Amino acid sequence: MGYVTLVEIFKHPITQKYLRRSGVHHAVNVTEIAYRLASERKENPELATKAALLHDMGHFEWYREGKWDYDEYRRHDIHAIKGAERAHKLLIRLGENRVKAKEIAIAILLHTDSYLPFSVKEFRTPLQQIIYEADEMDELPKGGHHYLQMENEEAIERLTSIDQKIQEVSDKLQSN
């Protein structure tokens, strides 16, 4: 099992399918924010960025009379549950380390508690808190952040840059 890059994850057809629903722009922005937060807090940037990239892959679109119905979506939202499941399966398929895949999936599961009748704020690990905060930092009212556009080429450029930074950190740690 080697290192699975953000770009490899992004290019996979399953990722492409679900990020088209939840927004490539939002996924990449949250990934960049998560990288910055993880670096500042001395948390694992690899896990943070992978969880951030995939955090919304469980979204389902709710329409009423041909129009997006944000309120209906919020009433029935379980995207964190579906996203954690999809992300874990995808990461294992790509050859990700099983322990890392589980930690990433749990961070996705707990990046929001909107689907729960209680708060999990005080129970989040530092990694899970990073994903929560990164997501919140990129949000727009009524889910508008999911509709901002980004071409795949730009997403790949930005994710490649993050992959390079993560590799540099990893190389530095291995040489010490």
N, C-alpha and C. Protein backbone atom coordinates (compact mmCIF):
# COMPACT_ATOMS: atom_id res chain seq x y z
N MET A 1 0.84 -1.18 0.00
CA MET A 1 0.00 0.00 0.00
C MET A 1 0.87 1.24 0.00
N GLY A 2 0.79 2.02 -1.06
CA GLY A 2 1.53 3.26 -1.13
C GLY A 2 0.64 4.44 -0.78
N TYR A 3 1.21 5.61 -0.91
CA TYR A 3 0.47 6.83 -0.63
C TYR A 3 -0.55 7.08 -1.74
N VAL A 4 -1.79 7.28 -1.37
CA VAL A 4 -2.85 7.62 -2.32
C VAL A 4 -2.96 9.13 -2.32
N THR A 5 -2.78 9.74 -3.48
CA THR A 5 -2.77 11.20 -3.56
C THR A 5 -4.19 11.77 -3.66
N LEU A 6 -4.29 13.04 -3.36
CA LEU A 6 -5.56 13.75 -3.53
C LEU A 6 -5.99 13.73 -5.00
N VAL A 7 -5.04 13.89 -5.89
CA VAL A 7 -5.37 13.89 -7.33
C VAL A 7 -5.90 12.53 -7.76
N GLU A 8 -5.31 11.44 -7.28
CA GLU A 8 -5.83 10.11 -7.60
C GLU A 8 -7.26 9.95 -7.09
N ILE A 9 -7.48 10.41 -5.87
CA ILE A 9 -8.83 10.34 -5.30
C ILE A 9 -9.80 11.16 -6.14
N PHE A 10 -9.39 12.39 -6.46
CA PHE A 10 -10.25 13.30 -7.22
C PHE A 10 -10.62 12.74 -8.59
N LYS A 11 -9.67 12.13 -9.27
CA LYS A 11 -9.90 11.64 -10.64
C LYS A 11 -10.76 10.38 -10.71
N HIS A 12 -10.93 9.69 -9.60
CA HIS A 12 -11.70 8.45 -9.62
C HIS A 12 -13.15 8.74 -10.02
N PRO A 13 -13.74 7.90 -10.87
CA PRO A 13 -15.12 8.13 -11.32
C PRO A 13 -16.16 8.27 -10.20
N ILE A 14 -15.97 7.56 -9.11
CA ILE A 14 -16.91 7.68 -7.99
C ILE A 14 -16.82 9.08 -7.38
N THR A 15 -15.60 9.55 -7.19
CA THR A 15 -15.41 10.90 -6.65
C THR A 15 -16.02 11.92 -7.59
N GLN A 16 -15.74 11.77 -8.86
CA GLN A 16 -16.28 12.70 -9.86
C GLN A 16 -17.81 12.75 -9.82
N LYS A 17 -18.42 11.60 -9.71
CA LYS A 17 -19.88 11.53 -9.67
C LYS A 17 -20.43 12.33 -8.49
N TYR A 18 -19.89 12.10 -7.31
CA TYR A 18 -20.45 12.72 -6.11
C TYR A 18 -19.99 14.16 -5.91
N LEU A 19 -18.81 14.51 -6.36
CA LEU A 19 -18.39 15.91 -6.23
C LEU A 19 -19.14 16.80 -7.21
N ARG A 20 -19.61 16.26 -8.31
CA ARG A 20 -20.46 17.05 -9.21
C ARG A 20 -21.74 17.47 -8.49
N ARG A 21 -22.25 16.61 -7.61
CA ARG A 21 -23.45 16.91 -6.83
C ARG A 21 -23.18 17.97 -5.77
N SER A 22 -22.10 17.78 -5.03
CA SER A 22 -21.86 18.63 -3.86
C SER A 22 -20.99 19.84 -4.15
N GLY A 23 -20.32 19.85 -5.30
CA GLY A 23 -19.55 21.01 -5.70
C GLY A 23 -18.05 20.81 -5.59
N VAL A 24 -17.38 20.79 -6.74
CA VAL A 24 -15.92 20.67 -6.79
C VAL A 24 -15.28 21.89 -6.14
N HIS A 25 -15.81 23.07 -6.43
CA HIS A 25 -15.26 24.31 -5.88
C HIS A 25 -15.22 24.24 -4.35
N HIS A 26 -16.32 23.86 -3.75
CA HIS A 26 -16.40 23.76 -2.29
C HIS A 26 -15.42 22.69 -1.77
N ALA A 27 -15.37 21.55 -2.40
CA ALA A 27 -14.49 20.47 -1.95
C ALA A 27 -13.03 20.90 -1.96
N VAL A 28 -12.61 21.58 -3.03
CA VAL A 28 -11.21 22.02 -3.13
C VAL A 28 -10.92 23.13 -2.13
N ASN A 29 -11.82 24.08 -1.99
CA ASN A 29 -11.62 25.15 -1.00
C ASN A 29 -11.48 24.58 0.40
N VAL A 30 -12.38 23.66 0.76
CA VAL A 30 -12.33 23.07 2.10
C VAL A 30 -11.04 22.27 2.28
N THR A 31 -10.57 21.64 1.24
CA THR A 31 -9.30 20.90 1.29
C THR A 31 -8.14 21.85 1.58
N GLU A 32 -8.12 22.98 0.90
CA GLU A 32 -7.05 23.96 1.14
C GLU A 32 -7.11 24.53 2.55
N ILE A 33 -8.30 24.83 3.02
CA ILE A 33 -8.46 25.35 4.39
C ILE A 33 -8.03 24.29 5.39
N ALA A 34 -8.42 23.05 5.18
CA ALA A 34 -8.05 21.96 6.09
C ALA A 34 -6.53 21.78 6.13
N TYR A 35 -5.89 21.90 4.99
CA TYR A 35 -4.42 21.79 4.96
C TYR A 35 -3.80 22.87 5.85
N ARG A 36 -4.28 24.09 5.69
CA ARG A 36 -3.75 25.22 6.47
C ARG A 36 -3.99 25.00 7.97
N LEU A 37 -5.21 24.63 8.34
CA LEU A 37 -5.53 24.40 9.75
C LEU A 37 -4.71 23.25 10.34
N ALA A 38 -4.59 22.17 9.60
CA ALA A 38 -3.82 21.02 10.08
C ALA A 38 -2.35 21.40 10.28
N SER A 39 -1.81 22.16 9.36
CA SER A 39 -0.41 22.60 9.48
C SER A 39 -0.22 23.49 10.70
N GLU A 40 -1.14 24.44 10.87
CA GLU A 40 -1.06 25.36 12.02
C GLU A 40 -1.18 24.62 13.34
N ARG A 41 -1.99 23.58 13.38
CA ARG A 41 -2.28 22.87 14.63
C ARG A 41 -1.44 21.61 14.82
N LYS A 42 -0.51 21.38 13.90
CA LYS A 42 0.38 20.22 13.98
C LYS A 42 -0.39 18.90 13.95
N GLU A 43 -1.47 18.89 13.15
CA GLU A 43 -2.24 17.66 12.93
C GLU A 43 -1.83 17.08 11.59
N ASN A 44 -2.27 15.88 11.30
CA ASN A 44 -1.87 15.19 10.08
C ASN A 44 -2.55 15.82 8.85
N PRO A 45 -1.77 16.53 8.00
CA PRO A 45 -2.38 17.18 6.84
C PRO A 45 -2.89 16.19 5.79
N GLU A 46 -2.30 15.02 5.73
CA GLU A 46 -2.76 14.01 4.76
C GLU A 46 -4.19 13.59 5.09
N LEU A 47 -4.44 13.23 6.34
CA LEU A 47 -5.77 12.80 6.74
C LEU A 47 -6.77 13.95 6.63
N ALA A 48 -6.35 15.13 7.05
CA ALA A 48 -7.25 16.30 7.01
C ALA A 48 -7.66 16.63 5.59
N THR A 49 -6.73 16.61 4.67
CA THR A 49 -7.07 16.99 3.29
C THR A 49 -7.92 15.93 2.59
N LYS A 50 -7.66 14.68 2.87
CA LYS A 50 -8.47 13.62 2.25
C LYS A 50 -9.90 13.66 2.78
N ALA A 51 -10.04 13.85 4.09
CA ALA A 51 -11.39 13.97 4.67
C ALA A 51 -12.09 15.21 4.13
N ALA A 52 -11.36 16.31 4.01
CA ALA A 52 -11.96 17.55 3.50
C ALA A 52 -12.42 17.40 2.06
N LEU A 53 -11.60 16.80 1.23
CA LEU A 53 -11.95 16.62 -0.18
C LEU A 53 -13.24 15.82 -0.32
N LEU A 54 -13.41 14.80 0.49
CA LEU A 54 -14.53 13.87 0.36
C LEU A 54 -15.69 14.15 1.31
N HIS A 55 -15.61 15.20 2.12
CA HIS A 55 -16.56 15.39 3.22
C HIS A 55 -18.02 15.49 2.79
N ASP A 56 -18.30 15.95 1.59
CA ASP A 56 -19.70 16.11 1.16
C ASP A 56 -20.13 15.12 0.08
N MET A 57 -19.41 14.03 -0.08
CA MET A 57 -19.76 13.11 -1.15
C MET A 57 -21.03 12.29 -0.87
N GLY A 58 -21.64 12.54 0.27
CA GLY A 58 -22.89 11.87 0.60
C GLY A 58 -24.13 12.70 0.30
N HIS A 59 -23.93 13.86 -0.32
CA HIS A 59 -25.09 14.73 -0.58
C HIS A 59 -26.08 14.10 -1.55
N PHE A 60 -27.31 14.39 -1.30
CA PHE A 60 -28.41 13.99 -2.16
C PHE A 60 -29.17 15.25 -2.51
N GLU A 61 -29.62 15.36 -3.72
CA GLU A 61 -30.33 16.56 -4.15
C GLU A 61 -31.83 16.42 -3.91
N TRP A 62 -32.42 17.41 -3.30
CA TRP A 62 -33.85 17.44 -3.04
C TRP A 62 -34.49 18.52 -3.89
N TYR A 63 -35.38 18.11 -4.76
CA TYR A 63 -36.07 19.06 -5.63
C TYR A 63 -37.57 19.01 -5.38
N ARG A 64 -38.20 20.15 -5.52
CA ARG A 64 -39.65 20.25 -5.44
C ARG A 64 -40.08 21.11 -6.62
N GLU A 65 -40.95 20.56 -7.45
CA GLU A 65 -41.44 21.26 -8.64
C GLU A 65 -40.28 21.78 -9.50
N GLY A 66 -39.23 20.95 -9.64
CA GLY A 66 -38.12 21.27 -10.52
C GLY A 66 -37.09 22.23 -9.95
N LYS A 67 -37.26 22.66 -8.70
CA LYS A 67 -36.32 23.61 -8.09
C LYS A 67 -35.71 23.00 -6.83
N TRP A 68 -34.44 23.35 -6.59
CA TRP A 68 -33.74 22.90 -5.39
C TRP A 68 -34.50 23.40 -4.18
N ASP A 69 -34.77 22.50 -3.25
CA ASP A 69 -35.50 22.84 -2.04
C ASP A 69 -34.59 22.63 -0.84
N TYR A 70 -33.92 23.71 -0.43
CA TYR A 70 -32.95 23.64 0.66
C TYR A 70 -33.60 23.18 1.97
N ASP A 71 -34.78 23.67 2.27
CA ASP A 71 -35.45 23.29 3.52
C ASP A 71 -35.79 21.80 3.55
N GLU A 72 -36.25 21.28 2.42
CA GLU A 72 -36.54 19.84 2.32
C GLU A 72 -35.26 19.03 2.50
N TYR A 73 -34.20 19.49 1.86
CA TYR A 73 -32.90 18.83 2.01
C TYR A 73 -32.50 18.79 3.48
N ARG A 74 -32.59 19.91 4.20
CA ARG A 74 -32.18 19.98 5.60
C ARG A 74 -33.01 19.04 6.48
N ARG A 75 -34.29 18.89 6.16
CA ARG A 75 -35.15 17.99 6.94
C ARG A 75 -34.73 16.53 6.82
N HIS A 76 -34.22 16.14 5.67
CA HIS A 76 -33.92 14.73 5.40
C HIS A 76 -32.43 14.43 5.28
N ASP A 77 -31.60 15.40 5.60
CA ASP A 77 -30.16 15.29 5.38
C ASP A 77 -29.50 14.18 6.20
N ILE A 78 -28.83 13.28 5.53
CA ILE A 78 -27.95 12.29 6.18
C ILE A 78 -26.64 12.20 5.41
N HIS A 79 -26.24 13.32 4.77
CA HIS A 79 -25.09 13.27 3.87
C HIS A 79 -23.80 12.85 4.57
N ALA A 80 -23.64 13.16 5.83
CA ALA A 80 -22.41 12.77 6.52
C ALA A 80 -22.33 11.25 6.68
N ILE A 81 -23.45 10.62 6.92
CA ILE A 81 -23.48 9.15 7.05
C ILE A 81 -23.15 8.50 5.71
N LYS A 82 -23.86 8.94 4.66
CA LYS A 82 -23.63 8.38 3.33
C LYS A 82 -22.21 8.69 2.84
N GLY A 83 -21.75 9.90 3.12
CA GLY A 83 -20.42 10.31 2.68
C GLY A 83 -19.32 9.50 3.34
N ALA A 84 -19.46 9.25 4.64
CA ALA A 84 -18.45 8.46 5.35
C ALA A 84 -18.37 7.05 4.76
N GLU A 85 -19.52 6.48 4.50
CA GLU A 85 -19.57 5.13 3.91
C GLU A 85 -18.94 5.11 2.52
N ARG A 86 -19.34 6.04 1.68
CA ARG A 86 -18.81 6.10 0.31
C ARG A 86 -17.30 6.35 0.30
N ALA A 87 -16.86 7.29 1.14
CA ALA A 87 -15.44 7.63 1.19
C ALA A 87 -14.61 6.44 1.65
N HIS A 88 -15.06 5.74 2.68
CA HIS A 88 -14.32 4.59 3.18
C HIS A 88 -14.17 3.53 2.09
N LYS A 89 -15.26 3.21 1.45
CA LYS A 89 -15.24 2.20 0.38
C LYS A 89 -14.31 2.62 -0.76
N LEU A 90 -14.38 3.89 -1.14
CA LEU A 90 -13.53 4.41 -2.21
C LEU A 90 -12.05 4.34 -1.82
N LEU A 91 -11.73 4.78 -0.62
CA LEU A 91 -10.33 4.79 -0.19
C LEU A 91 -9.75 3.39 -0.13
N ILE A 92 -10.51 2.44 0.37
CA ILE A 92 -10.04 1.05 0.41
C ILE A 92 -9.82 0.54 -1.02
N ARG A 93 -10.75 0.84 -1.91
CA ARG A 93 -10.62 0.44 -3.31
C ARG A 93 -9.35 1.01 -3.95
N LEU A 94 -8.97 2.23 -3.55
CA LEU A 94 -7.78 2.88 -4.10
C LEU A 94 -6.48 2.40 -3.45
N GLY A 95 -6.60 1.57 -2.40
CA GLY A 95 -5.41 1.03 -1.74
C GLY A 95 -4.96 1.82 -0.53
N GLU A 96 -5.83 2.65 0.00
CA GLU A 96 -5.48 3.42 1.20
C GLU A 96 -5.29 2.49 2.39
N ASN A 97 -4.41 2.85 3.28
CA ASN A 97 -4.22 2.15 4.54
C ASN A 97 -5.56 2.09 5.28
N ARG A 98 -5.91 0.91 5.78
CA ARG A 98 -7.23 0.72 6.40
C ARG A 98 -7.44 1.58 7.65
N VAL A 99 -6.42 1.77 8.43
CA VAL A 99 -6.54 2.61 9.63
C VAL A 99 -6.79 4.06 9.23
N LYS A 100 -6.04 4.53 8.24
CA LYS A 100 -6.23 5.89 7.75
C LYS A 100 -7.63 6.06 7.14
N ALA A 101 -8.05 5.07 6.36
CA ALA A 101 -9.37 5.15 5.73
C ALA A 101 -10.48 5.26 6.77
N LYS A 102 -10.33 4.51 7.85
CA LYS A 102 -11.34 4.58 8.92
C LYS A 102 -11.32 5.95 9.59
N GLU A 103 -10.14 6.48 9.88
CA GLU A 103 -10.05 7.78 10.54
C GLU A 103 -10.62 8.89 9.65
N ILE A 104 -10.35 8.81 8.36
CA ILE A 104 -10.89 9.77 7.40
C ILE A 104 -12.42 9.66 7.37
N ALA A 105 -12.93 8.44 7.30
CA ALA A 105 -14.38 8.24 7.26
C ALA A 105 -15.07 8.78 8.51
N ILE A 106 -14.47 8.58 9.65
CA ILE A 106 -15.07 9.09 10.89
C ILE A 106 -15.04 10.62 10.91
N ALA A 107 -13.97 11.21 10.40
CA ALA A 107 -13.91 12.68 10.31
C ALA A 107 -15.03 13.21 9.40
N ILE A 108 -15.31 12.48 8.34
CA ILE A 108 -16.41 12.86 7.44
C ILE A 108 -17.75 12.70 8.16
N LEU A 109 -17.91 11.60 8.86
CA LEU A 109 -19.15 11.35 9.61
C LEU A 109 -19.45 12.47 10.60
N LEU A 110 -18.40 13.00 11.23
CA LEU A 110 -18.60 13.99 12.29
C LEU A 110 -18.30 15.43 11.86
N HIS A 111 -18.19 15.68 10.55
CA HIS A 111 -17.91 17.05 10.10
C HIS A 111 -19.12 17.96 10.30
N THR A 112 -20.27 17.36 10.57
CA THR A 112 -21.48 18.09 10.90
C THR A 112 -22.28 17.23 11.86
N ASP A 113 -23.13 17.86 12.62
CA ASP A 113 -24.06 17.08 13.44
C ASP A 113 -25.49 17.47 13.12
N SER A 114 -25.68 18.07 11.95
CA SER A 114 -27.01 18.54 11.53
C SER A 114 -28.02 17.40 11.40
N TYR A 115 -27.55 16.19 11.24
CA TYR A 115 -28.45 15.04 11.08
C TYR A 115 -28.76 14.37 12.41
N LEU A 116 -28.15 14.88 13.49
CA LEU A 116 -28.34 14.28 14.81
C LEU A 116 -29.24 15.15 15.68
N PRO A 117 -29.93 14.55 16.64
CA PRO A 117 -30.77 15.34 17.55
C PRO A 117 -29.97 15.96 18.71
N PHE A 118 -28.64 15.88 18.66
CA PHE A 118 -27.77 16.41 19.70
C PHE A 118 -26.47 16.88 19.07
N SER A 119 -25.67 17.60 19.82
CA SER A 119 -24.39 18.12 19.33
C SER A 119 -23.26 17.15 19.66
N VAL A 120 -22.30 17.04 18.76
CA VAL A 120 -21.10 16.25 19.02
C VAL A 120 -19.88 17.14 19.21
N LYS A 121 -20.10 18.43 19.30
CA LYS A 121 -19.01 19.40 19.36
C LYS A 121 -17.94 19.02 20.39
N GLU A 122 -18.35 18.70 21.59
CA GLU A 122 -17.37 18.43 22.65
C GLU A 122 -16.69 17.07 22.52
N PHE A 123 -17.14 16.25 21.57
CA PHE A 123 -16.57 14.92 21.39
C PHE A 123 -15.62 14.81 20.19
N ARG A 124 -15.54 15.84 19.37
CA ARG A 124 -14.71 15.78 18.17
C ARG A 124 -13.22 15.75 18.52
N THR A 125 -12.49 14.93 17.78
CA THR A 125 -11.03 14.92 17.89
C THR A 125 -10.51 16.17 17.18
N PRO A 126 -9.23 16.51 17.35
CA PRO A 126 -8.68 17.66 16.62
C PRO A 126 -8.85 17.53 15.10
N LEU A 127 -8.65 16.35 14.54
CA LEU A 127 -8.83 16.15 13.10
C LEU A 127 -10.28 16.41 12.70
N GLN A 128 -11.21 15.85 13.43
CA GLN A 128 -12.63 16.04 13.12
C GLN A 128 -13.03 17.51 13.26
N GLN A 129 -12.47 18.21 14.21
CA GLN A 129 -12.75 19.63 14.40
C GLN A 129 -12.22 20.44 13.21
N ILE A 130 -11.09 20.06 12.69
CA ILE A 130 -10.54 20.75 11.52
C ILE A 130 -11.49 20.64 10.33
N ILE A 131 -12.03 19.46 10.09
CA ILE A 131 -12.94 19.28 8.95
C ILE A 131 -14.22 20.09 9.18
N TYR A 132 -14.73 20.07 10.38
CA TYR A 132 -15.91 20.87 10.72
C TYR A 132 -15.64 22.36 10.46
N GLU A 133 -14.54 22.87 10.97
CA GLU A 133 -14.23 24.29 10.82
C GLU A 133 -13.95 24.68 9.37
N ALA A 134 -13.20 23.85 8.67
CA ALA A 134 -12.90 24.14 7.26
C ALA A 134 -14.18 24.22 6.44
N ASP A 135 -15.09 23.30 6.68
CA ASP A 135 -16.38 23.30 5.99
C ASP A 135 -17.16 24.57 6.32
N GLU A 136 -17.23 24.91 7.59
CA GLU A 136 -17.97 26.11 8.02
C GLU A 136 -17.37 27.38 7.40
N MET A 137 -16.06 27.42 7.28
CA MET A 137 -15.38 28.62 6.77
C MET A 137 -15.71 28.87 5.29
N ASP A 138 -16.11 27.84 4.58
CA ASP A 138 -16.40 27.99 3.14
C ASP A 138 -17.90 28.04 2.85
N GLU A 139 -18.74 27.97 3.85
CA GLU A 139 -20.19 27.92 3.62
C GLU A 139 -20.76 29.26 3.20
N LEU A 140 -21.80 29.18 2.39
CA LEU A 140 -22.60 30.34 1.99
C LEU A 140 -24.05 30.07 2.38
N PRO A 141 -24.86 31.10 2.56
CA PRO A 141 -26.26 30.90 2.95
C PRO A 141 -27.02 29.99 1.98
N LYS A 142 -27.94 29.21 2.55
CA LYS A 142 -28.82 28.31 1.78
C LYS A 142 -28.06 27.34 0.88
N GLY A 143 -26.86 26.94 1.29
CA GLY A 143 -26.10 25.96 0.53
C GLY A 143 -25.48 26.49 -0.75
N GLY A 144 -25.36 27.81 -0.88
CA GLY A 144 -24.82 28.41 -2.11
C GLY A 144 -23.42 27.97 -2.46
N HIS A 145 -22.63 27.56 -1.48
CA HIS A 145 -21.26 27.10 -1.73
C HIS A 145 -21.22 25.85 -2.60
N HIS A 146 -22.31 25.11 -2.65
CA HIS A 146 -22.34 23.89 -3.46
C HIS A 146 -22.55 24.19 -4.95
N TYR A 147 -22.85 25.42 -5.27
CA TYR A 147 -23.18 25.76 -6.66
C TYR A 147 -22.13 26.62 -7.34
N LEU A 148 -21.05 26.95 -6.65
CA LEU A 148 -19.95 27.67 -7.29
C LEU A 148 -19.22 26.69 -8.20
N GLN A 149 -18.79 27.17 -9.34
CA GLN A 149 -18.20 26.29 -10.35
C GLN A 149 -16.67 26.32 -10.32
N MET A 150 -16.07 25.20 -10.70
CA MET A 150 -14.63 25.09 -10.88
C MET A 150 -14.38 23.99 -11.90
N GLU A 151 -13.56 24.29 -12.86
CA GLU A 151 -13.19 23.28 -13.86
C GLU A 151 -12.26 22.24 -13.22
N ASN A 152 -12.33 21.02 -13.71
CA ASN A 152 -11.48 19.95 -13.18
C ASN A 152 -10.00 20.28 -13.30
N GLU A 153 -9.60 20.97 -14.36
CA GLU A 153 -8.18 21.31 -14.55
C GLU A 153 -7.68 22.18 -13.41
N GLU A 154 -8.48 23.18 -13.01
CA GLU A 154 -8.08 24.04 -11.89
C GLU A 154 -8.05 23.24 -10.59
N ALA A 155 -9.04 22.38 -10.40
CA ALA A 155 -9.07 21.55 -9.19
C ALA A 155 -7.82 20.68 -9.12
N ILE A 156 -7.44 20.07 -10.22
CA ILE A 156 -6.26 19.19 -10.24
C ILE A 156 -5.00 19.99 -9.95
N GLU A 157 -4.89 21.19 -10.49
CA GLU A 157 -3.72 22.04 -10.20
C GLU A 157 -3.63 22.34 -8.71
N ARG A 158 -4.74 22.73 -8.12
CA ARG A 158 -4.75 23.11 -6.71
C ARG A 158 -4.50 21.89 -5.81
N LEU A 159 -5.07 20.74 -6.17
CA LEU A 159 -4.84 19.52 -5.39
C LEU A 159 -3.41 19.02 -5.55
N THR A 160 -2.84 19.17 -6.74
CA THR A 160 -1.44 18.79 -6.97
C THR A 160 -0.52 19.59 -6.06
N SER A 161 -0.81 20.87 -5.92
CA SER A 161 -0.01 21.73 -5.04
C SER A 161 -0.08 21.24 -3.59
N ILE A 162 -1.26 20.86 -3.14
CA ILE A 162 -1.40 20.34 -1.77
C ILE A 162 -0.68 19.00 -1.64
N ASP A 163 -0.84 18.12 -2.63
CA ASP A 163 -0.13 16.83 -2.61
C ASP A 163 1.38 17.06 -2.46
N GLN A 164 1.92 18.03 -3.19
CA GLN A 164 3.36 18.32 -3.13
C GLN A 164 3.77 18.79 -1.74
N LYS A 165 2.95 19.65 -1.14
CA LYS A 165 3.24 20.14 0.22
C LYS A 165 3.22 18.98 1.23
N ILE A 166 2.24 18.11 1.09
CA ILE A 166 2.15 16.96 2.00
C ILE A 166 3.36 16.05 1.82
N GLN A 167 3.79 15.83 0.58
CA GLN A 167 4.95 14.99 0.32
C GLN A 167 6.21 15.61 0.92
N GLU A 168 6.34 16.93 0.83
CA GLU A 168 7.51 17.62 1.41
C GLU A 168 7.53 17.44 2.93
N VAL A 169 6.38 17.56 3.58
CA VAL A 169 6.30 17.36 5.03
C VAL A 169 6.67 15.92 5.36
N SER A 170 6.15 14.98 4.60
CA SER A 170 6.44 13.56 4.82
C SER A 170 7.92 13.27 4.65
N ASP A 171 8.52 13.80 3.59
CA ASP A 171 9.95 13.60 3.34
C ASP A 171 10.79 14.17 4.47
N LYS A 172 10.39 15.35 4.96
CA LYS A 172 11.11 15.99 6.05
C LYS A 172 11.04 15.16 7.33
N LEU A 173 9.87 14.61 7.61
CA LEU A 173 9.70 13.78 8.80
C LEU A 173 10.52 12.49 8.71
N GLN A 174 10.58 11.92 7.51
CA GLN A 174 11.33 10.66 7.32
C GLN A 174 12.84 10.87 7.41
N SER A 175 13.30 12.07 7.06
CA SER A 175 14.75 12.32 7.10
C SER A 175 15.22 12.67 8.51
N ASN A 176 14.30 12.97 9.40
CA ASN A 176 14.70 13.31 10.79
C ASN A 176 14.88 12.10 11.64
